[in-house]
């Protein structure tokens, strides 16, 4: 049996998945940095997240199958620097979602794996979205909102709201934390906004494996 490495250590499997996912040419502001997750970053467990490490460890057994690339954090913390625009165009932080378990997903229209997993994220939100859980997809295309809006409309996304950061600042913030080195990037956060686990690369978010992981995170 292979022991999954805790977040904060290089993962060959994650790097391989990110390499397959890739970052499409033409988006020079986002690049793959194969230095391993968390390398060179001082990550301090937040006093606000005392139970998250135990929760993440308990959820590790659910990070399998279609969500096997998810890796539990080694040192839980709140991501204070993560900001992006809400559907109304106003800037929000992760505090906006306090009280909900959140699946935060960074994507772009030029990222082929991102485009392919969006319907699955939509299906997950449609089935499991509630006052206890929400999928929060943050689009990082540069320019205005028209291209991502048109794409979501084209593929019939009807359960997800459009969150945006056309400065790519949210990706760079996560890169500095050692959490992002390609797209898509997906983070699982608990109801206090504490990071439980993260993944670089796509997944079948409408699969039974994914739903079991979310149910475990919610505690249902």
Protein backbone atom coordinates (compact mmCIF):
# COMPACT_ATOMS: atom_id res chain seq x y z
CA UNK A 1 0.00 0.00 0.00
CA UNK A 2 1.32 3.45 -0.90
CA UNK A 3 1.22 6.07 1.84
CA UNK A 4 -0.08 9.40 0.64
CA UNK A 5 2.30 12.24 1.35
CA UNK A 6 1.01 15.05 3.57
CA UNK A 7 0.60 18.47 2.04
CA UNK A 8 3.87 20.34 2.31
CA UNK A 9 5.94 17.62 0.61
CA UNK A 10 6.54 17.09 -3.12
CA UNK A 11 4.09 14.72 -4.77
CA UNK A 12 5.20 13.06 -7.99
CA UNK A 13 1.60 12.03 -8.64
CA UNK A 14 0.31 15.58 -8.36
CA UNK A 15 3.07 16.92 -10.57
CA UNK A 16 2.25 14.28 -13.19
CA UNK A 17 -1.43 15.20 -13.10
CA UNK A 18 -0.64 18.89 -13.38
CA UNK A 19 1.64 18.15 -16.31
CA UNK A 20 -1.22 16.37 -18.07
CA UNK A 21 -3.62 19.18 -17.16
CA UNK A 22 -1.02 21.69 -18.28
CA UNK A 23 -1.26 25.40 -18.62
CA UNK A 24 -2.27 26.35 -22.14
CA UNK A 25 0.10 28.52 -24.17
CA UNK A 26 -0.90 32.15 -24.30
CA UNK A 27 -1.52 32.51 -20.58
CA UNK A 28 2.01 33.49 -19.70
CA UNK A 29 1.04 35.01 -16.36
CA UNK A 30 0.23 31.54 -15.00
CA UNK A 31 2.98 28.97 -15.12
CA UNK A 32 3.85 25.54 -13.79
CA UNK A 33 6.49 25.49 -11.11
CA UNK A 34 7.48 21.91 -10.35
CA UNK A 35 9.03 22.56 -6.96
CA UNK A 36 6.63 20.43 -4.99
CA UNK A 37 3.77 21.57 -2.82
CA UNK A 38 4.72 23.88 -0.01
CA UNK A 39 8.45 24.00 -0.79
CA UNK A 40 10.08 27.18 0.39
CA UNK A 41 6.89 28.41 2.06
CA UNK A 42 6.55 29.03 5.76
CA UNK A 43 3.14 27.60 6.60
CA UNK A 44 1.94 28.12 10.15
CA UNK A 45 -1.10 26.39 11.60
CA UNK A 46 -3.72 28.97 12.46
CA UNK A 47 -5.00 29.22 16.03
CA UNK A 48 -8.44 29.34 14.42
CA UNK A 49 -8.00 25.85 12.98
CA UNK A 50 -7.11 23.62 15.96
CA UNK A 51 -9.26 20.65 14.86
CA UNK A 52 -8.71 20.83 11.11
CA UNK A 53 -5.53 18.73 11.08
CA UNK A 54 -7.37 15.88 12.78
CA UNK A 55 -10.32 16.29 10.41
CA UNK A 56 -8.02 16.29 7.39
CA UNK A 57 -6.35 13.10 8.62
CA UNK A 58 -9.74 11.46 9.11
CA UNK A 59 -10.77 12.41 5.57
CA UNK A 60 -7.60 11.01 3.99
CA UNK A 61 -9.22 7.60 3.55
CA UNK A 62 -11.88 9.28 1.35
CA UNK A 63 -9.26 10.85 -0.93
CA UNK A 64 -9.26 7.93 -3.33
CA UNK A 65 -10.50 6.83 -6.73
CA UNK A 66 -11.63 9.85 -8.74
CA UNK A 67 -10.31 12.24 -6.05
CA UNK A 68 -7.11 10.37 -5.24
CA UNK A 69 -5.01 13.42 -6.17
CA UNK A 70 -6.49 15.35 -3.22
CA UNK A 71 -3.88 15.71 -0.47
CA UNK A 72 -4.67 16.53 3.15
CA UNK A 73 -2.90 19.55 4.58
CA UNK A 74 -0.12 18.98 7.07
CA UNK A 75 -0.51 22.36 8.79
CA UNK A 76 -4.05 23.76 8.53
CA UNK A 77 -4.49 27.50 8.22
CA UNK A 78 -6.87 30.18 7.01
CA UNK A 79 -5.95 31.71 3.66
CA UNK A 80 -6.17 35.39 4.53
CA UNK A 81 -4.74 36.72 1.25
CA UNK A 82 -7.30 35.05 -1.05
CA UNK A 83 -9.64 37.64 -2.58
CA UNK A 84 -11.69 37.73 -5.77
CA UNK A 85 -14.85 39.32 -7.15
CA UNK A 86 -18.30 37.97 -6.42
CA UNK A 87 -21.16 37.66 -8.94
CA UNK A 88 -22.08 41.28 -8.17
CA UNK A 89 -18.57 42.44 -9.07
CA UNK A 90 -17.65 43.37 -5.52
CA UNK A 91 -14.52 41.96 -3.89
CA UNK A 92 -15.00 39.10 -1.45
CA UNK A 93 -12.80 37.03 0.83
CA UNK A 94 -13.30 33.47 2.01
CA UNK A 95 -14.99 34.89 5.12
CA UNK A 96 -18.04 35.42 2.89
CA UNK A 97 -18.62 31.65 3.04
CA UNK A 98 -18.26 31.21 6.81
CA UNK A 99 -20.48 28.42 8.06
CA UNK A 100 -20.18 26.42 4.82
CA UNK A 101 -17.78 23.73 3.68
CA UNK A 102 -16.38 25.12 0.41
CA UNK A 103 -14.85 23.53 -2.67
CA UNK A 104 -12.85 26.42 -4.16
CA UNK A 105 -11.86 25.83 -7.78
CA UNK A 106 -9.62 28.06 -9.93
CA UNK A 107 -10.24 27.74 -13.66
CA UNK A 108 -9.87 29.50 -17.00
CA UNK A 109 -11.55 29.14 -20.39
CA UNK A 110 -8.17 28.48 -22.04
CA UNK A 111 -7.46 25.56 -19.68
CA UNK A 112 -8.80 22.41 -21.38
CA UNK A 113 -9.00 20.24 -18.22
CA UNK A 114 -10.81 23.10 -16.46
CA UNK A 115 -13.40 23.23 -19.24
CA UNK A 116 -13.86 19.46 -19.09
CA UNK A 117 -14.48 19.32 -15.34
CA UNK A 118 -16.86 22.31 -15.14
CA UNK A 119 -20.02 20.26 -15.90
CA UNK A 120 -19.07 17.87 -13.08
CA UNK A 121 -18.62 20.78 -10.65
CA UNK A 122 -22.00 22.09 -11.75
CA UNK A 123 -23.59 18.68 -11.11
CA UNK A 124 -21.96 18.50 -7.67
CA UNK A 125 -23.32 21.91 -6.72
CA UNK A 126 -26.76 21.03 -8.07
CA UNK A 127 -26.92 17.84 -6.01
CA UNK A 128 -25.10 18.86 -2.83
CA UNK A 129 -25.17 22.66 -2.69
CA UNK A 130 -26.89 23.84 0.50
CA UNK A 131 -26.49 26.08 3.51
CA UNK A 132 -23.72 23.66 4.52
CA UNK A 133 -21.79 23.31 1.25
CA UNK A 134 -20.96 25.36 -1.84
CA UNK A 135 -18.80 24.99 -4.94
CA UNK A 136 -17.04 28.31 -5.55
CA UNK A 137 -15.43 28.38 -9.02
CA UNK A 138 -13.15 31.38 -9.55
CA UNK A 139 -12.41 32.21 -13.18
CA UNK A 140 -9.02 33.83 -13.81
CA UNK A 141 -9.34 34.84 -17.48
CA UNK A 142 -7.94 38.30 -18.14
CA UNK A 143 -10.23 40.89 -19.70
CA UNK A 144 -13.93 41.32 -19.03
CA UNK A 145 -16.58 38.80 -17.96
CA UNK A 146 -18.03 38.07 -21.39
CA UNK A 147 -15.87 35.09 -22.38
CA UNK A 148 -16.34 33.05 -19.17
CA UNK A 149 -20.03 33.94 -19.08
CA UNK A 150 -20.48 32.78 -22.67
CA UNK A 151 -18.62 29.54 -21.98
CA UNK A 152 -20.73 28.67 -18.92
CA UNK A 153 -23.89 29.44 -20.84
CA UNK A 154 -22.72 27.31 -23.78
CA UNK A 155 -22.19 24.19 -21.66
CA UNK A 156 -25.38 24.65 -19.66
CA UNK A 157 -23.90 25.53 -16.27
CA UNK A 158 -26.91 26.59 -14.25
CA UNK A 159 -26.03 25.91 -10.62
CA UNK A 160 -22.70 27.72 -10.29
CA UNK A 161 -22.24 31.44 -9.77
CA UNK A 162 -19.50 33.30 -11.63
CA UNK A 163 -16.66 34.43 -9.37
CA UNK A 164 -13.82 36.28 -11.08
CA UNK A 165 -10.27 37.52 -10.70
CA UNK A 166 -8.94 38.93 -13.98
CA UNK A 167 -5.71 40.03 -12.24
CA UNK A 168 -4.73 36.38 -11.53
CA UNK A 169 -3.90 37.59 -8.02
CA UNK A 170 -5.76 34.70 -6.38
CA UNK A 171 -3.66 32.16 -8.30
CA UNK A 172 -0.45 33.98 -7.37
CA UNK A 173 -1.49 34.10 -3.70
CA UNK A 174 -2.01 30.33 -3.68
CA UNK A 175 1.26 29.83 -5.58
CA UNK A 176 3.10 31.72 -2.82
CA UNK A 177 1.50 29.38 -0.29
CA UNK A 178 2.80 26.39 -2.26
CA UNK A 179 -0.74 25.34 -3.16
CA UNK A 180 -0.88 26.08 -6.89
CA UNK A 181 1.44 25.33 -9.77
CA UNK A 182 -1.00 24.83 -12.66
CA UNK A 183 -4.72 24.76 -13.45
CA UNK A 184 -7.21 23.69 -12.35
CA UNK A 185 -6.52 24.14 -8.64
CA UNK A 186 -9.11 22.91 -6.13
CA UNK A 187 -9.13 23.53 -2.38
CA UNK A 188 -11.45 22.02 0.22
CA UNK A 189 -12.13 24.31 3.18
CA UNK A 190 -14.15 23.69 6.32
CA UNK A 191 -16.95 25.84 7.70
CA UNK A 192 -14.42 28.09 9.47
CA UNK A 193 -12.50 28.71 6.26
CA UNK A 194 -9.64 26.44 7.32
CA UNK A 195 -7.89 24.54 4.53
CA UNK A 196 -8.51 20.78 4.69
CA UNK A 197 -6.95 19.57 1.46
CA UNK A 198 -5.92 20.63 -2.03
CA UNK A 199 -5.45 19.28 -5.53
CA UNK A 200 -3.68 20.43 -8.69
CA UNK A 201 -5.33 18.87 -11.73
CA UNK A 202 -8.85 17.87 -12.78
CA UNK A 203 -11.22 15.40 -11.14
CA UNK A 204 -14.65 13.86 -11.72
CA UNK A 205 -16.45 15.97 -9.14
CA UNK A 206 -19.80 14.34 -9.86
CA UNK A 207 -18.44 10.87 -9.02
CA UNK A 208 -19.42 8.84 -5.97
CA UNK A 209 -15.84 9.22 -4.67
CA UNK A 210 -16.12 13.02 -4.79
CA UNK A 211 -19.55 13.04 -3.16
CA UNK A 212 -18.33 10.75 -0.37
CA UNK A 213 -15.43 13.14 0.30
CA UNK A 214 -17.75 16.16 0.45
CA UNK A 215 -20.19 14.34 2.73
CA UNK A 216 -17.30 13.45 5.01
CA UNK A 217 -16.10 17.04 5.08
CA UNK A 218 -19.59 18.32 5.88
CA UNK A 219 -20.00 15.65 8.53
CA UNK A 220 -23.18 14.20 7.06
